[in-house]
Amino acid sequence: CFGTDPAETRTNAIDTRVDGLGPWTAL
């Protein structure tokens, strides 16, 4: 990504799960 250390090549990420939150989202 622009502005990061050029030596950094890892593209791993962590996302927040949203499945199973149907009742909360609907409410």
PDB file of all heavy atoms in Angstrom:
ATOM      1  N   CYS A   1       0.832  -1.213   0.000  1.00  0.00           N
ATOM      2  CA  CYS A   1       0.000   0.000   0.000  1.00  0.00           C
ATOM      3  C   CYS A   1       0.867   1.264   0.000  1.00  0.00           C
ATOM      4  O   CYS A   1       1.982   1.274   0.543  1.00  0.00           O
ATOM      5  CB  CYS A   1      -0.906   0.019   1.236  1.00  0.00           C
ATOM      6  SG  CYS A   1      -2.060  -1.366   1.307  1.00  0.00           S
ATOM      7  N   PHE A   2       0.367   2.316  -0.611  1.00  0.00           N
ATOM      8  CA  PHE A   2       1.083   3.583  -0.681  1.00  0.00           C
ATOM      9  C   PHE A   2       1.394   4.075   0.732  1.00  0.00           C
ATOM     10  O   PHE A   2       0.528   4.116   1.602  1.00  0.00           O
ATOM     11  CB  PHE A   2       0.222   4.616  -1.407  1.00  0.00           C
ATOM     12  CG  PHE A   2       0.929   5.914  -1.690  1.00  0.00           C
ATOM     13  CD1 PHE A   2       1.605   6.097  -2.881  1.00  0.00           C
ATOM     14  CD2 PHE A   2       0.902   6.950  -0.768  1.00  0.00           C
ATOM     15  CE1 PHE A   2       2.245   7.294  -3.143  1.00  0.00           C
ATOM     16  CE2 PHE A   2       1.547   8.142  -1.017  1.00  0.00           C
ATOM     17  CZ  PHE A   2       2.230   8.331  -2.215  1.00  0.00           C
ATOM     18  N   GLY A   3       2.658   4.408   0.964  1.00  0.00           N
ATOM     19  CA  GLY A   3       3.055   4.967   2.243  1.00  0.00           C
ATOM     20  C   GLY A   3       3.542   3.951   3.251  1.00  0.00           C
ATOM     21  O   GLY A   3       3.981   4.337   4.338  1.00  0.00           O
ATOM     22  N   THR A   4       3.503   2.646   2.910  1.00  0.00           N
ATOM     23  CA  THR A   4       3.999   1.643   3.846  1.00  0.00           C
ATOM     24  C   THR A   4       5.445   1.303   3.502  1.00  0.00           C
ATOM     25  O   THR A   4       5.964   1.663   2.438  1.00  0.00           O
ATOM     26  CB  THR A   4       3.156   0.363   3.777  1.00  0.00           C
ATOM     27  OG1 THR A   4       3.197  -0.168   2.454  1.00  0.00           O
ATOM     28  CG2 THR A   4       1.717   0.646   4.154  1.00  0.00           C
ATOM     29  N   ASP A   5       6.104   0.585   4.393  1.00  0.00           N
ATOM     30  CA  ASP A   5       7.483   0.153   4.181  1.00  0.00           C
ATOM     31  C   ASP A   5       7.546  -0.721   2.925  1.00  0.00           C
ATOM     32  O   ASP A   5       6.831  -1.728   2.834  1.00  0.00           O
ATOM     33  CB  ASP A   5       7.947  -0.637   5.408  1.00  0.00           C
ATOM     34  CG  ASP A   5       9.415  -1.030   5.329  1.00  0.00           C
ATOM     35  OD1 ASP A   5      10.002  -0.953   4.231  1.00  0.00           O
ATOM     36  OD2 ASP A   5       9.956  -1.454   6.366  1.00  0.00           O
ATOM     37  N   PRO A   6       8.366  -0.369   1.940  1.00  0.00           N
ATOM     38  CA  PRO A   6       8.443  -1.177   0.709  1.00  0.00           C
ATOM     39  C   PRO A   6       8.810  -2.628   0.962  1.00  0.00           C
ATOM     40  O   PRO A   6       8.492  -3.503   0.144  1.00  0.00           O
ATOM     41  CB  PRO A   6       9.521  -0.463  -0.106  1.00  0.00           C
ATOM     42  CG  PRO A   6       9.521   0.939   0.409  1.00  0.00           C
ATOM     43  CD  PRO A   6       9.210   0.839   1.869  1.00  0.00           C
ATOM     44  N   ALA A   7       9.452  -2.892   2.108  1.00  0.00           N
ATOM     45  CA  ALA A   7       9.837  -4.265   2.417  1.00  0.00           C
ATOM     46  C   ALA A   7       8.652  -5.103   2.906  1.00  0.00           C
ATOM     47  O   ALA A   7       8.737  -6.336   2.963  1.00  0.00           O
ATOM     48  CB  ALA A   7      10.937  -4.260   3.483  1.00  0.00           C
ATOM     49  N   GLU A   8       7.557  -4.429   3.261  1.00  0.00           N
ATOM     50  CA  GLU A   8       6.375  -5.152   3.755  1.00  0.00           C
ATOM     51  C   GLU A   8       5.601  -5.711   2.564  1.00  0.00           C
ATOM     52  O   GLU A   8       5.088  -4.969   1.722  1.00  0.00           O
ATOM     53  CB  GLU A   8       5.493  -4.217   4.566  1.00  0.00           C
ATOM     54  CG  GLU A   8       4.239  -4.889   5.121  1.00  0.00           C
ATOM     55  CD  GLU A   8       4.577  -6.077   5.998  1.00  0.00           C
ATOM     56  OE1 GLU A   8       5.041  -5.854   7.138  1.00  0.00           O
ATOM     57  OE2 GLU A   8       4.412  -7.227   5.518  1.00  0.00           O
ATOM     58  N   THR A   9       5.508  -7.026   2.489  1.00  0.00           N
ATOM     59  CA  THR A   9       4.817  -7.677   1.371  1.00  0.00           C
ATOM     60  C   THR A   9       3.604  -8.476   1.813  1.00  0.00           C
ATOM     61  O   THR A   9       2.877  -9.004   0.971  1.00  0.00           O
ATOM     62  CB  THR A   9       5.775  -8.620   0.633  1.00  0.00           C
ATOM     63  OG1 THR A   9       6.242  -9.628   1.547  1.00  0.00           O
ATOM     64  CG2 THR A   9       6.954  -7.848   0.045  1.00  0.00           C
ATOM     65  N   ARG A  10       3.376  -8.566   3.111  1.00  0.00           N
ATOM     66  CA  ARG A  10       2.258  -9.379   3.587  1.00  0.00           C
ATOM     67  C   ARG A  10       0.917  -8.709   3.283  1.00  0.00           C
ATOM     68  O   ARG A  10       0.736  -7.524   3.513  1.00  0.00           O
ATOM     69  CB  ARG A  10       2.389  -9.631   5.093  1.00  0.00           C
ATOM     70  CG  ARG A  10       3.512 -10.603   5.447  1.00  0.00           C
ATOM     71  CD  ARG A  10       3.760 -10.649   6.938  1.00  0.00           C
ATOM     72  NE  ARG A  10       4.313  -9.391   7.444  1.00  0.00           N
ATOM     73  CZ  ARG A  10       4.713  -9.198   8.701  1.00  0.00           C
ATOM     74  NH1 ARG A  10       4.607 -10.189   9.580  1.00  0.00           N
ATOM     75  NH2 ARG A  10       5.202  -8.037   9.086  1.00  0.00           N
ATOM     76  N   THR A  11      -0.023  -9.501   2.772  1.00  0.00           N
ATOM     77  CA  THR A  11      -1.368  -8.994   2.440  1.00  0.00           C
ATOM     78  C   THR A  11      -2.429  -9.641   3.330  1.00  0.00           C
ATOM     79  O   THR A  11      -3.613  -9.631   2.992  1.00  0.00           O
ATOM     80  CB  THR A  11      -1.702  -9.254   0.962  1.00  0.00           C
ATOM     81  OG1 THR A  11      -1.633 -10.666   0.714  1.00  0.00           O
ATOM     82  CG2 THR A  11      -0.733  -8.510   0.046  1.00  0.00           C
ATOM     83  N   ASN A  12      -1.997 -10.182   4.454  1.00  0.00           N
ATOM     84  CA  ASN A  12      -2.959 -10.763   5.401  1.00  0.00           C
ATOM     85  C   ASN A  12      -3.802  -9.655   6.041  1.00  0.00           C
ATOM     86  O   ASN A  12      -3.348  -8.521   6.181  1.00  0.00           O
ATOM     87  CB  ASN A  12      -2.234 -11.521   6.522  1.00  0.00           C
ATOM     88  CG  ASN A  12      -1.245 -12.523   5.980  1.00  0.00           C
ATOM     89  OD1 ASN A  12      -0.261 -12.130   5.350  1.00  0.00           O
ATOM     90  ND2 ASN A  12      -1.485 -13.790   6.222  1.00  0.00           N
ATOM     91  N   ALA A  13      -5.015 -10.021   6.435  1.00  0.00           N
ATOM     92  CA  ALA A  13      -5.895  -9.076   7.112  1.00  0.00           C
ATOM     93  C   ALA A  13      -6.857  -9.831   8.018  1.00  0.00           C
ATOM     94  O   ALA A  13      -7.032 -11.051   7.887  1.00  0.00           O
ATOM     95  CB  ALA A  13      -6.673  -8.236   6.100  1.00  0.00           C
ATOM     96  N   ILE A  14      -7.456  -9.092   8.920  1.00  0.00           N
ATOM     97  CA  ILE A  14      -8.471  -9.645   9.821  1.00  0.00           C
ATOM     98  C   ILE A  14      -9.747  -8.842   9.634  1.00  0.00           C
ATOM     99  O   ILE A  14      -9.734  -7.612   9.739  1.00  0.00           O
ATOM    100  CB  ILE A  14      -8.026  -9.597  11.292  1.00  0.00           C
ATOM    101  CG1 ILE A  14      -6.808 -10.503  11.503  1.00  0.00           C
ATOM    102  CG2 ILE A  14      -9.172 -10.021  12.214  1.00  0.00           C
ATOM    103  CD1 ILE A  14      -6.255 -10.456  12.915  1.00  0.00           C
ATOM    104  N   ASP A  15     -10.839  -9.538   9.343  1.00  0.00           N
ATOM    105  CA  ASP A  15     -12.147  -8.908   9.214  1.00  0.00           C
ATOM    106  C   ASP A  15     -13.051  -9.347  10.356  1.00  0.00           C
ATOM    107  O   ASP A  15     -12.863 -10.417  10.945  1.00  0.00           O
ATOM    108  CB  ASP A  15     -12.798  -9.283   7.875  1.00  0.00           C
ATOM    109  CG  ASP A  15     -12.328  -8.385   6.743  1.00  0.00           C
ATOM    110  OD1 ASP A  15     -11.118  -8.111   6.674  1.00  0.00           O
ATOM    111  OD2 ASP A  15     -13.170  -7.970   5.935  1.00  0.00           O
ATOM    112  N   THR A  16     -14.034  -8.524  10.664  1.00  0.00           N
ATOM    113  CA  THR A  16     -15.019  -8.849  11.698  1.00  0.00           C
ATOM    114  C   THR A  16     -16.161  -9.635  11.075  1.00  0.00           C
ATOM    115  O   THR A  16     -16.729  -9.225  10.064  1.00  0.00           O
ATOM    116  CB  THR A  16     -15.574  -7.562  12.330  1.00  0.00           C
ATOM    117  OG1 THR A  16     -14.491  -6.832  12.921  1.00  0.00           O
ATOM    118  CG2 THR A  16     -16.610  -7.878  13.398  1.00  0.00           C
ATOM    119  N   ARG A  17     -16.498 -10.754  11.669  1.00  0.00           N
ATOM    120  CA  ARG A  17     -17.635 -11.547  11.190  1.00  0.00           C
ATOM    121  C   ARG A  17     -18.952 -10.806  11.448  1.00  0.00           C
ATOM    122  O   ARG A  17     -19.132 -10.192  12.498  1.00  0.00           O
ATOM    123  CB  ARG A  17     -17.687 -12.904  11.902  1.00  0.00           C
ATOM    124  CG  ARG A  17     -16.744 -13.935  11.342  1.00  0.00           C
ATOM    125  CD  ARG A  17     -16.846 -15.237  12.106  1.00  0.00           C
ATOM    126  NE  ARG A  17     -18.190 -15.823  12.071  1.00  0.00           N
ATOM    127  CZ  ARG A  17     -18.503 -16.994  12.639  1.00  0.00           C
ATOM    128  NH1 ARG A  17     -17.558 -17.684  13.266  1.00  0.00           N
ATOM    129  NH2 ARG A  17     -19.730 -17.449  12.560  1.00  0.00           N
ATOM    130  N   VAL A  18     -19.864 -10.923  10.475  1.00  0.00           N
ATOM    131  CA  VAL A  18     -21.188 -10.324  10.652  1.00  0.00           C
ATOM    132  C   VAL A  18     -22.307 -11.359  10.567  1.00  0.00           C
ATOM    133  O   VAL A  18     -23.457 -11.061  10.909  1.00  0.00           O
ATOM    134  CB  VAL A  18     -21.450  -9.206   9.617  1.00  0.00           C
ATOM    135  CG1 VAL A  18     -20.427  -8.100   9.772  1.00  0.00           C
ATOM    136  CG2 VAL A  18     -21.452  -9.753   8.199  1.00  0.00           C
ATOM    137  N   ASP A  19     -22.006 -12.574  10.069  1.00  0.00           N
ATOM    138  CA  ASP A  19     -23.031 -13.612  10.058  1.00  0.00           C
ATOM    139  C   ASP A  19     -23.405 -13.954  11.498  1.00  0.00           C
ATOM    140  O   ASP A  19     -22.593 -13.817  12.417  1.00  0.00           O
ATOM    141  CB  ASP A  19     -22.511 -14.870   9.357  1.00  0.00           C
ATOM    142  CG  ASP A  19     -21.341 -15.486  10.102  1.00  0.00           C
ATOM    143  OD1 ASP A  19     -20.208 -14.986   9.925  1.00  0.00           O
ATOM    144  OD2 ASP A  19     -21.557 -16.429  10.884  1.00  0.00           O
ATOM    145  N   GLY A  20     -24.625 -14.383  11.717  1.00  0.00           N
ATOM    146  CA  GLY A  20     -25.075 -14.706  13.070  1.00  0.00           C
ATOM    147  C   GLY A  20     -25.533 -13.493  13.857  1.00  0.00           C
ATOM    148  O   GLY A  20     -26.026 -13.625  14.981  1.00  0.00           O
ATOM    149  N   LEU A  21     -25.369 -12.311  13.270  1.00  0.00           N
ATOM    150  CA  LEU A  21     -25.802 -11.081  13.946  1.00  0.00           C
ATOM    151  C   LEU A  21     -27.145 -10.604  13.404  1.00  0.00           C
ATOM    152  O   LEU A  21     -27.505  -9.436  13.572  1.00  0.00           O
ATOM    153  CB  LEU A  21     -24.753  -9.976  13.781  1.00  0.00           C
ATOM    154  CG  LEU A  21     -23.359 -10.270  14.351  1.00  0.00           C
ATOM    155  CD1 LEU A  21     -22.458  -9.059  14.179  1.00  0.00           C
ATOM    156  CD2 LEU A  21     -23.440 -10.665  15.818  1.00  0.00           C
ATOM    157  N   GLY A  22     -27.863 -11.504  12.755  1.00  0.00           N
ATOM    158  CA  GLY A  22     -29.150 -11.136  12.178  1.00  0.00           C
ATOM    159  C   GLY A  22     -30.114 -10.513  13.160  1.00  0.00           C
ATOM    160  O   GLY A  22     -30.680  -9.442  12.881  1.00  0.00           O
ATOM    161  N   PRO A  23     -30.357 -11.136  14.336  1.00  0.00           N
ATOM    162  CA  PRO A  23     -31.295 -10.532  15.291  1.00  0.00           C
ATOM    163  C   PRO A  23     -30.866  -9.131  15.735  1.00  0.00           C
ATOM    164  O   PRO A  23     -31.691  -8.220  15.817  1.00  0.00           O
ATOM    165  CB  PRO A  23     -31.290 -11.522  16.462  1.00  0.00           C
ATOM    166  CG  PRO A  23     -30.921 -12.830  15.841  1.00  0.00           C
ATOM    167  CD  PRO A  23     -29.938 -12.493  14.754  1.00  0.00           C
ATOM    168  N   TRP A  24     -29.569  -8.971  16.003  1.00  0.00           N
ATOM    169  CA  TRP A  24     -29.095  -7.650  16.424  1.00  0.00           C
ATOM    170  C   TRP A  24     -29.233  -6.636  15.301  1.00  0.00           C
ATOM    171  O   TRP A  24     -29.740  -5.531  15.494  1.00  0.00           O
ATOM    172  CB  TRP A  24     -27.633  -7.747  16.867  1.00  0.00           C
ATOM    173  CG  TRP A  24     -26.998  -6.430  17.201  1.00  0.00           C
ATOM    174  CD1 TRP A  24     -27.193  -5.681  18.327  1.00  0.00           C
ATOM    175  CD2 TRP A  24     -26.080  -5.691  16.382  1.00  0.00           C
ATOM    176  NE1 TRP A  24     -26.444  -4.529  18.266  1.00  0.00           N
ATOM    177  CE2 TRP A  24     -25.741  -4.508  17.093  1.00  0.00           C
ATOM    178  CE3 TRP A  24     -25.497  -5.916  15.136  1.00  0.00           C
ATOM    179  CZ2 TRP A  24     -24.864  -3.563  16.582  1.00  0.00           C
ATOM    180  CZ3 TRP A  24     -24.616  -4.979  14.616  1.00  0.00           C
ATOM    181  CH2 TRP A  24     -24.315  -3.814  15.341  1.00  0.00           C
ATOM    182  N   THR A  25     -28.810  -7.021  14.104  1.00  0.00           N
ATOM    183  CA  THR A  25     -28.898  -6.110  12.965  1.00  0.00           C
ATOM    184  C   THR A  25     -30.345  -5.743  12.671  1.00  0.00           C
ATOM    185  O   THR A  25     -30.681  -4.575  12.441  1.00  0.00           O
ATOM    186  CB  THR A  25     -28.266  -6.747  11.721  1.00  0.00           C
ATOM    187  OG1 THR A  25     -26.916  -7.113  12.017  1.00  0.00           O
ATOM    188  CG2 THR A  25     -28.283  -5.788  10.542  1.00  0.00           C
ATOM    189  N   ALA A  26     -31.210  -6.760  12.690  1.00  0.00           N
ATOM    190  CA  ALA A  26     -32.625  -6.498  12.411  1.00  0.00           C
ATOM    191  C   ALA A  26     -33.233  -5.582  13.457  1.00  0.00           C
ATOM    192  O   ALA A  26     -34.033  -4.690  13.141  1.00  0.00           O
ATOM    193  CB  ALA A  26     -33.395  -7.818  12.358  1.00  0.00           C
ATOM    194  N   LEU A  27     -32.850  -5.774  14.705  1.00  0.00           N
ATOM    195  CA  LEU A  27     -33.402  -4.945  15.781  1.00  0.00           C
ATOM    196  C   LEU A  27     -32.958  -3.496  15.638  1.00  0.00           C
ATOM    197  O   LEU A  27     -33.754  -2.570  15.766  1.00  0.00           O
ATOM    198  CB  LEU A  27     -32.978  -5.503  17.137  1.00  0.00           C
ATOM    199  CG  LEU A  27     -33.575  -4.822  18.367  1.00  0.00           C
ATOM    200  CD1 LEU A  27     -35.087  -4.879  18.326  1.00  0.00           C
ATOM    201  CD2 LEU A  27     -33.052  -5.477  19.630  1.00  0.00           C
TER     202      LEU A  27
END
